[in-house]
């Protein structure tokens, strides 16, 4: 995995796919599109942050693209000083290696 200028990689939980499969499909009514830093649009899904529980998004059509919540916090946020709020990754691409 490649680190960004933020000096860290996203926290990949077991539910975040590193390769795409049919199980990563999203129902059309739940389809959300977001642009990465290069302007490319991606289908995204949400998962909670391992540290604070706030939802962050990842691309389901290209592993390694992430969006963290930044200033947005869930009502039950467990750590307001979490990296996903203080220095959020916003559409940044990582190379994900599976071994």
N, C-alpha and C. Protein backbone atom coordinates (compact mmCIF):
# COMPACT_ATOMS: atom_id res chain seq x y z
N UNK A 1 0.85 -1.16 0.00
CA UNK A 1 0.00 0.00 0.00
C UNK A 1 0.90 1.23 0.00
N UNK A 2 0.48 2.28 -0.66
CA UNK A 2 1.26 3.50 -0.77
C UNK A 2 0.67 4.55 0.15
N UNK A 3 1.51 5.20 0.92
CA UNK A 3 1.04 6.25 1.83
C UNK A 3 0.92 7.57 1.09
N UNK A 4 0.05 8.43 1.54
CA UNK A 4 -0.14 9.74 0.95
C UNK A 4 0.69 10.77 1.70
N UNK A 5 0.52 12.02 1.30
CA UNK A 5 1.20 13.10 2.00
C UNK A 5 0.74 13.17 3.45
N UNK A 6 -0.46 12.64 3.72
CA UNK A 6 -0.94 12.61 5.09
C UNK A 6 -0.11 11.65 5.95
N UNK A 7 0.71 10.80 5.30
CA UNK A 7 1.60 9.92 6.02
C UNK A 7 0.96 8.67 6.56
N UNK A 8 -0.24 8.33 6.10
CA UNK A 8 -0.90 7.14 6.60
C UNK A 8 -1.78 6.55 5.51
N UNK A 9 -2.08 5.31 5.69
CA UNK A 9 -3.00 4.61 4.79
C UNK A 9 -4.33 4.47 5.50
N UNK A 10 -5.44 4.27 4.76
CA UNK A 10 -6.73 4.08 5.42
C UNK A 10 -6.74 2.79 6.21
N UNK A 11 -7.62 2.71 7.19
CA UNK A 11 -7.74 1.50 8.00
C UNK A 11 -8.69 0.54 7.30
N UNK A 12 -8.16 -0.48 6.67
CA UNK A 12 -8.98 -1.42 5.92
C UNK A 12 -9.53 -2.49 6.85
N UNK A 13 -10.82 -2.49 7.05
CA UNK A 13 -11.47 -3.53 7.83
C UNK A 13 -11.69 -4.76 6.97
N UNK A 14 -12.12 -5.86 7.55
CA UNK A 14 -12.30 -7.10 6.79
C UNK A 14 -13.41 -7.00 5.75
N UNK A 15 -14.34 -6.03 5.91
CA UNK A 15 -15.45 -5.93 4.97
C UNK A 15 -15.11 -5.11 3.73
N UNK A 16 -13.91 -4.50 3.66
CA UNK A 16 -13.53 -3.71 2.50
C UNK A 16 -12.84 -4.62 1.50
N UNK A 17 -13.44 -4.79 0.32
CA UNK A 17 -12.84 -5.69 -0.66
C UNK A 17 -11.57 -5.11 -1.26
N UNK A 18 -10.57 -5.94 -1.47
CA UNK A 18 -9.35 -5.50 -2.14
C UNK A 18 -9.35 -5.97 -3.59
N UNK A 19 -10.30 -6.80 -3.95
CA UNK A 19 -10.54 -7.16 -5.34
C UNK A 19 -12.04 -7.12 -5.55
N UNK A 20 -12.47 -6.88 -6.75
CA UNK A 20 -13.89 -6.73 -7.00
C UNK A 20 -14.54 -8.08 -7.34
N UNK A 21 -15.68 -8.33 -6.77
CA UNK A 21 -16.45 -9.54 -7.02
C UNK A 21 -17.90 -9.15 -7.25
N UNK A 22 -18.71 -10.08 -7.69
CA UNK A 22 -20.13 -9.80 -7.87
C UNK A 22 -20.80 -9.42 -6.56
N UNK A 23 -20.28 -9.88 -5.43
CA UNK A 23 -20.89 -9.57 -4.15
C UNK A 23 -20.76 -8.09 -3.79
N UNK A 24 -19.89 -7.36 -4.50
CA UNK A 24 -19.72 -5.94 -4.24
C UNK A 24 -20.76 -5.09 -4.97
N UNK A 25 -21.72 -5.73 -5.65
CA UNK A 25 -22.73 -4.99 -6.41
C UNK A 25 -23.63 -4.20 -5.47
N UNK A 26 -24.08 -3.04 -5.94
CA UNK A 26 -24.96 -2.18 -5.17
C UNK A 26 -26.27 -2.07 -5.94
N UNK A 27 -27.38 -2.15 -5.23
CA UNK A 27 -28.69 -2.00 -5.86
C UNK A 27 -28.77 -0.61 -6.49
N UNK A 28 -29.42 -0.47 -7.67
CA UNK A 28 -29.49 0.83 -8.35
C UNK A 28 -30.01 1.96 -7.47
N UNK A 29 -30.97 1.68 -6.60
CA UNK A 29 -31.50 2.74 -5.74
C UNK A 29 -30.51 3.18 -4.67
N UNK A 30 -29.49 2.37 -4.40
CA UNK A 30 -28.47 2.70 -3.40
C UNK A 30 -27.17 3.21 -4.02
N UNK A 31 -27.16 3.36 -5.34
CA UNK A 31 -25.95 3.75 -6.05
C UNK A 31 -25.55 5.19 -5.69
N UNK A 32 -24.33 5.34 -5.23
CA UNK A 32 -23.77 6.65 -4.92
C UNK A 32 -22.50 6.78 -5.74
N UNK A 33 -22.33 7.93 -6.39
CA UNK A 33 -21.13 8.18 -7.17
C UNK A 33 -20.36 9.33 -6.54
N UNK A 34 -19.03 9.18 -6.46
CA UNK A 34 -18.15 10.24 -5.97
C UNK A 34 -16.95 10.33 -6.87
N UNK A 35 -16.41 11.52 -6.99
CA UNK A 35 -15.22 11.73 -7.81
C UNK A 35 -13.96 11.63 -6.95
N UNK A 36 -12.91 11.01 -7.50
CA UNK A 36 -11.63 10.95 -6.80
C UNK A 36 -10.86 12.24 -7.09
N UNK A 37 -9.63 12.34 -6.59
CA UNK A 37 -8.84 13.56 -6.77
C UNK A 37 -8.53 13.83 -8.24
N UNK A 38 -8.58 12.80 -9.08
CA UNK A 38 -8.34 12.97 -10.51
C UNK A 38 -9.60 13.29 -11.30
N UNK A 39 -10.75 13.36 -10.62
CA UNK A 39 -12.01 13.67 -11.29
C UNK A 39 -12.75 12.46 -11.83
N UNK A 40 -12.22 11.25 -11.64
CA UNK A 40 -12.89 10.04 -12.09
C UNK A 40 -13.99 9.66 -11.12
N UNK A 41 -15.17 9.33 -11.64
CA UNK A 41 -16.30 8.98 -10.78
C UNK A 41 -16.29 7.49 -10.46
N UNK A 42 -16.67 7.17 -9.22
CA UNK A 42 -16.67 5.79 -8.73
C UNK A 42 -17.97 5.49 -8.00
N UNK A 43 -18.41 4.23 -8.09
CA UNK A 43 -19.50 3.74 -7.25
C UNK A 43 -18.90 3.50 -5.87
N UNK A 44 -19.61 3.92 -4.82
CA UNK A 44 -19.05 3.79 -3.48
C UNK A 44 -19.98 3.06 -2.53
N UNK A 45 -19.39 2.51 -1.48
CA UNK A 45 -20.12 1.88 -0.38
C UNK A 45 -19.55 2.47 0.90
N UNK A 46 -20.28 2.30 2.00
CA UNK A 46 -19.85 2.84 3.30
C UNK A 46 -19.50 1.74 4.28
N UNK A 47 -18.60 2.07 5.19
CA UNK A 47 -18.23 1.19 6.29
C UNK A 47 -17.81 2.07 7.46
N UNK A 48 -17.97 1.62 8.70
CA UNK A 48 -17.57 2.46 9.83
C UNK A 48 -16.06 2.48 10.04
N UNK A 49 -15.57 3.60 10.52
CA UNK A 49 -14.16 3.74 10.88
C UNK A 49 -13.87 2.81 12.07
N UNK A 50 -12.75 2.12 12.04
CA UNK A 50 -12.37 1.22 13.13
C UNK A 50 -12.14 1.96 14.44
N UNK A 51 -11.72 3.21 14.37
CA UNK A 51 -11.38 3.96 15.59
C UNK A 51 -12.55 4.70 16.21
N UNK A 52 -13.37 5.38 15.37
CA UNK A 52 -14.42 6.22 15.95
C UNK A 52 -15.84 5.80 15.59
N UNK A 53 -15.99 4.95 14.59
CA UNK A 53 -17.31 4.47 14.20
C UNK A 53 -18.03 5.31 13.17
N UNK A 54 -17.49 6.48 12.80
CA UNK A 54 -18.12 7.31 11.78
C UNK A 54 -17.98 6.65 10.41
N UNK A 55 -18.97 6.81 9.54
CA UNK A 55 -18.91 6.15 8.24
C UNK A 55 -17.93 6.83 7.29
N UNK A 56 -17.16 6.03 6.57
CA UNK A 56 -16.33 6.52 5.49
C UNK A 56 -16.64 5.68 4.27
N UNK A 57 -16.28 6.15 3.09
CA UNK A 57 -16.66 5.49 1.85
C UNK A 57 -15.43 4.95 1.13
N UNK A 58 -15.67 3.89 0.36
CA UNK A 58 -14.62 3.32 -0.48
C UNK A 58 -15.23 2.97 -1.82
N UNK A 59 -14.40 2.98 -2.86
CA UNK A 59 -14.86 2.67 -4.20
C UNK A 59 -15.11 1.17 -4.32
N UNK A 60 -16.27 0.81 -4.89
CA UNK A 60 -16.53 -0.61 -5.11
C UNK A 60 -16.16 -1.02 -6.53
N UNK A 61 -15.82 -0.04 -7.37
CA UNK A 61 -15.42 -0.40 -8.73
C UNK A 61 -13.91 -0.29 -8.95
N UNK A 62 -13.20 0.27 -7.98
CA UNK A 62 -11.74 0.33 -8.06
C UNK A 62 -11.15 0.28 -6.66
N UNK A 63 -10.64 -0.87 -6.25
CA UNK A 63 -10.05 -0.97 -4.91
C UNK A 63 -8.94 0.05 -4.72
N UNK A 64 -8.91 0.64 -3.53
CA UNK A 64 -7.84 1.56 -3.21
C UNK A 64 -8.21 3.03 -3.29
N UNK A 65 -9.50 3.37 -3.48
CA UNK A 65 -9.93 4.77 -3.48
C UNK A 65 -10.85 4.96 -2.29
N UNK A 66 -10.53 5.96 -1.43
CA UNK A 66 -11.22 6.15 -0.16
C UNK A 66 -11.62 7.59 0.07
N UNK A 67 -12.71 7.79 0.81
CA UNK A 67 -13.16 9.11 1.25
C UNK A 67 -13.51 8.99 2.73
N UNK A 68 -12.81 9.74 3.58
CA UNK A 68 -13.11 9.75 5.01
C UNK A 68 -14.01 10.94 5.32
N UNK A 69 -14.70 10.93 6.48
CA UNK A 69 -15.75 11.91 6.74
C UNK A 69 -15.29 13.35 6.97
N UNK A 70 -14.05 13.58 7.36
CA UNK A 70 -13.61 14.95 7.61
C UNK A 70 -14.38 15.58 8.76
N UNK A 71 -14.92 16.80 8.57
CA UNK A 71 -15.62 17.47 9.67
C UNK A 71 -16.98 16.85 10.01
N UNK A 72 -17.53 16.03 9.12
CA UNK A 72 -18.82 15.39 9.41
C UNK A 72 -18.62 14.31 10.46
N UNK A 73 -19.43 14.34 11.51
CA UNK A 73 -19.31 13.35 12.58
C UNK A 73 -20.67 12.74 12.87
N UNK A 74 -20.67 11.44 13.14
CA UNK A 74 -21.90 10.76 13.55
C UNK A 74 -22.23 11.21 14.97
N UNK A 75 -23.50 11.13 15.34
CA UNK A 75 -23.91 11.51 16.70
C UNK A 75 -23.18 10.68 17.76
N UNK A 76 -22.87 9.43 17.42
CA UNK A 76 -22.21 8.55 18.39
C UNK A 76 -20.71 8.40 18.12
N UNK A 77 -20.10 9.43 17.52
CA UNK A 77 -18.66 9.40 17.22
C UNK A 77 -17.89 9.11 18.50
N UNK A 78 -17.01 8.10 18.45
CA UNK A 78 -16.27 7.69 19.63
C UNK A 78 -14.95 8.39 19.84
N UNK A 79 -14.49 9.19 18.85
CA UNK A 79 -13.18 9.84 18.97
C UNK A 79 -13.15 11.05 18.05
N UNK A 80 -13.46 12.20 18.59
CA UNK A 80 -13.51 13.42 17.76
C UNK A 80 -12.14 13.84 17.25
N UNK A 81 -11.07 13.28 17.80
CA UNK A 81 -9.71 13.59 17.35
C UNK A 81 -9.17 12.51 16.41
N UNK A 82 -10.03 11.65 15.92
CA UNK A 82 -9.64 10.56 15.01
C UNK A 82 -9.04 11.15 13.73
N UNK A 83 -8.05 10.45 13.16
CA UNK A 83 -7.42 10.89 11.91
C UNK A 83 -8.42 11.09 10.78
N UNK A 84 -9.50 10.31 10.77
CA UNK A 84 -10.46 10.44 9.66
C UNK A 84 -11.19 11.78 9.71
N UNK A 85 -11.14 12.49 10.84
CA UNK A 85 -11.72 13.83 10.97
C UNK A 85 -10.66 14.91 10.85
N UNK A 86 -9.51 14.69 11.48
CA UNK A 86 -8.45 15.70 11.54
C UNK A 86 -7.70 15.84 10.21
N UNK A 87 -7.35 14.72 9.58
CA UNK A 87 -6.61 14.72 8.31
C UNK A 87 -7.26 13.71 7.37
N UNK A 88 -8.48 14.01 6.89
CA UNK A 88 -9.22 13.02 6.10
C UNK A 88 -8.61 12.74 4.73
N UNK A 89 -8.72 11.49 4.32
CA UNK A 89 -8.37 11.08 2.96
C UNK A 89 -9.62 11.35 2.12
N UNK A 90 -9.49 12.09 1.04
CA UNK A 90 -10.65 12.49 0.27
C UNK A 90 -10.46 12.15 -1.20
N UNK A 91 -10.89 10.95 -1.58
CA UNK A 91 -10.77 10.54 -2.97
C UNK A 91 -9.36 10.21 -3.38
N UNK A 92 -8.54 9.86 -2.40
CA UNK A 92 -7.14 9.55 -2.67
C UNK A 92 -6.99 8.09 -3.03
N UNK A 93 -6.16 7.82 -4.01
CA UNK A 93 -5.95 6.46 -4.52
C UNK A 93 -4.73 5.82 -3.88
N UNK A 94 -4.91 4.59 -3.43
CA UNK A 94 -3.83 3.77 -2.88
C UNK A 94 -3.70 2.53 -3.73
N UNK A 95 -2.50 1.99 -3.80
CA UNK A 95 -2.33 0.68 -4.41
C UNK A 95 -2.51 -0.35 -3.30
N UNK A 96 -3.45 -1.25 -3.48
CA UNK A 96 -3.75 -2.27 -2.48
C UNK A 96 -3.13 -3.58 -2.92
N UNK A 97 -2.25 -4.13 -2.11
CA UNK A 97 -1.60 -5.39 -2.42
C UNK A 97 -2.15 -6.47 -1.48
N UNK A 98 -2.56 -7.57 -2.06
CA UNK A 98 -3.06 -8.69 -1.27
C UNK A 98 -2.03 -9.80 -1.34
N UNK A 99 -1.65 -10.31 -0.18
CA UNK A 99 -0.64 -11.36 -0.15
C UNK A 99 -1.24 -12.62 0.42
